[in-house]
């Protein structure tokens, strides 16, 4: 067994104020490996800014500025995290969710506007449909 001791005893991290964490299972169980670069960047950001319930309300423009990504990259990353069941988003509030039992399988990318309309989890139509349930007119 390897004995680990801090390399710099004066700089050992301490929890002060708020605290963010990522379960070790995120890496060990394969969640890390199924995320794109921008999905991973956005996920870690949302973990860092979330409260104890995983909630945060940063606007897309602030997120894009802080992460140095384009709006298109943000939307693709956000929708990918929603589709992979790692976050929830209601149009202005994010929630980092507890990890699902298994990492998602590779999902087919949305290639055209029909795909976006039918499968984009953050479109207004999808949000309304989910909020009203399956039996609505």
Protein backbone atom coordinates (compact mmCIF):
# COMPACT_ATOMS: atom_id res chain seq x y z
CA UNK A 1 0.00 0.00 0.00
CA UNK A 2 1.26 3.47 -0.87
CA UNK A 3 1.50 5.88 2.02
CA UNK A 4 0.40 9.34 0.95
CA UNK A 5 1.45 12.48 2.74
CA UNK A 6 0.84 16.05 1.61
CA UNK A 7 3.67 17.49 -0.47
CA UNK A 8 3.19 20.94 1.06
CA UNK A 9 1.94 20.75 4.65
CA UNK A 10 1.22 24.50 4.71
CA UNK A 11 -1.17 24.29 1.77
CA UNK A 12 -3.49 21.40 2.70
CA UNK A 13 -7.00 22.24 1.48
CA UNK A 14 -9.64 23.06 4.08
CA UNK A 15 -13.37 23.51 3.68
CA UNK A 16 -14.17 27.17 4.28
CA UNK A 17 -17.60 28.53 3.44
CA UNK A 18 -19.37 26.68 0.67
CA UNK A 19 -18.20 23.33 -0.63
CA UNK A 20 -18.57 21.61 -4.00
CA UNK A 21 -17.85 17.98 -4.71
CA UNK A 22 -17.92 15.45 -7.51
CA UNK A 23 -18.46 11.83 -6.56
CA UNK A 24 -15.47 9.62 -7.28
CA UNK A 25 -17.94 7.35 -9.10
CA UNK A 26 -18.18 10.12 -11.73
CA UNK A 27 -14.72 9.09 -12.92
CA UNK A 28 -14.66 5.43 -11.85
CA UNK A 29 -18.00 4.46 -13.40
CA UNK A 30 -17.44 6.14 -16.75
CA UNK A 31 -19.49 9.34 -16.56
CA UNK A 32 -16.36 11.43 -17.19
CA UNK A 33 -15.49 9.55 -20.36
CA UNK A 34 -18.91 9.99 -22.03
CA UNK A 35 -18.90 13.78 -21.77
CA UNK A 36 -17.62 16.09 -24.47
CA UNK A 37 -15.08 18.74 -23.55
CA UNK A 38 -17.76 21.47 -23.28
CA UNK A 39 -20.16 19.20 -21.36
CA UNK A 40 -17.43 18.45 -18.84
CA UNK A 41 -16.52 22.12 -18.55
CA UNK A 42 -20.15 23.14 -17.98
CA UNK A 43 -20.80 20.25 -15.56
CA UNK A 44 -17.81 21.13 -13.36
CA UNK A 45 -18.80 24.81 -13.43
CA UNK A 46 -22.37 23.97 -12.35
CA UNK A 47 -21.05 21.76 -9.55
CA UNK A 48 -18.81 24.59 -8.34
CA UNK A 49 -21.53 27.25 -8.30
CA UNK A 50 -24.39 25.09 -7.01
CA UNK A 51 -25.82 25.28 -3.51
CA UNK A 52 -26.24 22.24 -1.27
CA UNK A 53 -29.23 21.07 -3.36
CA UNK A 54 -27.31 21.40 -6.63
CA UNK A 55 -29.18 24.57 -7.63
CA UNK A 56 -27.75 27.59 -9.41
CA UNK A 57 -29.15 30.32 -11.60
CA UNK A 58 -26.29 31.72 -13.69
CA UNK A 59 -27.46 33.20 -16.98
CA UNK A 60 -26.25 31.75 -20.27
CA UNK A 61 -24.33 34.93 -21.14
CA UNK A 62 -22.44 34.90 -17.82
CA UNK A 63 -21.69 31.18 -18.23
CA UNK A 64 -20.40 31.73 -21.78
CA UNK A 65 -18.16 34.58 -20.63
CA UNK A 66 -16.76 32.69 -17.64
CA UNK A 67 -16.21 29.45 -19.57
CA UNK A 68 -15.02 31.24 -22.72
CA UNK A 69 -17.38 29.30 -24.97
CA UNK A 70 -19.82 30.36 -27.65
CA UNK A 71 -23.57 30.38 -27.17
CA UNK A 72 -23.90 27.44 -29.59
CA UNK A 73 -21.32 25.43 -27.61
CA UNK A 74 -23.15 26.26 -24.38
CA UNK A 75 -26.53 25.14 -25.76
CA UNK A 76 -25.09 21.88 -27.12
CA UNK A 77 -23.30 21.18 -23.81
CA UNK A 78 -26.34 22.07 -21.69
CA UNK A 79 -28.65 19.91 -23.79
CA UNK A 80 -26.13 17.06 -23.71
CA UNK A 81 -26.00 17.14 -19.91
CA UNK A 82 -29.81 17.19 -19.74
CA UNK A 83 -30.06 14.28 -22.18
CA UNK A 84 -27.45 12.36 -20.18
CA UNK A 85 -29.55 12.92 -17.04
CA UNK A 86 -26.82 14.79 -15.16
CA UNK A 87 -28.59 18.14 -14.83
CA UNK A 88 -32.11 19.55 -14.92
CA UNK A 89 -32.89 23.00 -16.33
CA UNK A 90 -36.20 24.88 -16.35
CA UNK A 91 -35.18 27.85 -18.48
CA UNK A 92 -33.47 29.84 -15.74
CA UNK A 93 -32.58 27.48 -12.87
CA UNK A 94 -30.08 24.61 -13.05
CA UNK A 95 -29.96 21.58 -10.79
CA UNK A 96 -27.00 19.22 -10.74
CA UNK A 97 -28.66 15.84 -10.24
CA UNK A 98 -27.44 12.86 -8.27
CA UNK A 99 -25.65 10.49 -10.61
CA UNK A 100 -27.81 7.91 -12.35
CA UNK A 101 -27.00 4.24 -11.70
CA UNK A 102 -25.14 3.89 -15.00
CA UNK A 103 -23.46 6.37 -17.33
CA UNK A 104 -25.47 7.06 -20.47
CA UNK A 105 -24.72 5.21 -23.67
CA UNK A 106 -23.46 7.25 -26.59
CA UNK A 107 -26.42 9.29 -27.81
CA UNK A 108 -27.00 10.16 -31.45
CA UNK A 109 -26.36 13.86 -32.10
CA UNK A 110 -29.25 16.11 -33.11
CA UNK A 111 -28.49 16.87 -36.75
CA UNK A 112 -31.30 19.07 -38.02
CA UNK A 113 -34.18 21.26 -36.91
CA UNK A 114 -36.64 18.33 -36.92
CA UNK A 115 -34.34 16.42 -34.53
CA UNK A 116 -34.04 19.51 -32.34
CA UNK A 117 -37.81 20.00 -32.27
CA UNK A 118 -38.51 16.36 -31.41
CA UNK A 119 -35.63 15.53 -29.07
CA UNK A 120 -34.06 18.70 -27.65
CA UNK A 121 -34.88 18.46 -23.92
CA UNK A 122 -34.65 22.21 -23.41
CA UNK A 123 -37.02 23.42 -26.13
CA UNK A 124 -40.12 25.24 -25.00
CA UNK A 125 -42.28 22.49 -26.52
CA UNK A 126 -40.46 19.77 -24.56
CA UNK A 127 -40.64 21.75 -21.31
CA UNK A 128 -44.38 22.36 -21.74
CA UNK A 129 -45.02 18.75 -22.75
CA UNK A 130 -43.17 17.40 -19.70
CA UNK A 131 -44.90 19.84 -17.35
CA UNK A 132 -48.37 18.94 -18.64
CA UNK A 133 -47.78 15.19 -18.65
CA UNK A 134 -48.43 12.68 -21.38
CA UNK A 135 -52.20 13.25 -21.69
CA UNK A 136 -52.67 16.78 -22.92
CA UNK A 137 -54.24 18.46 -25.92
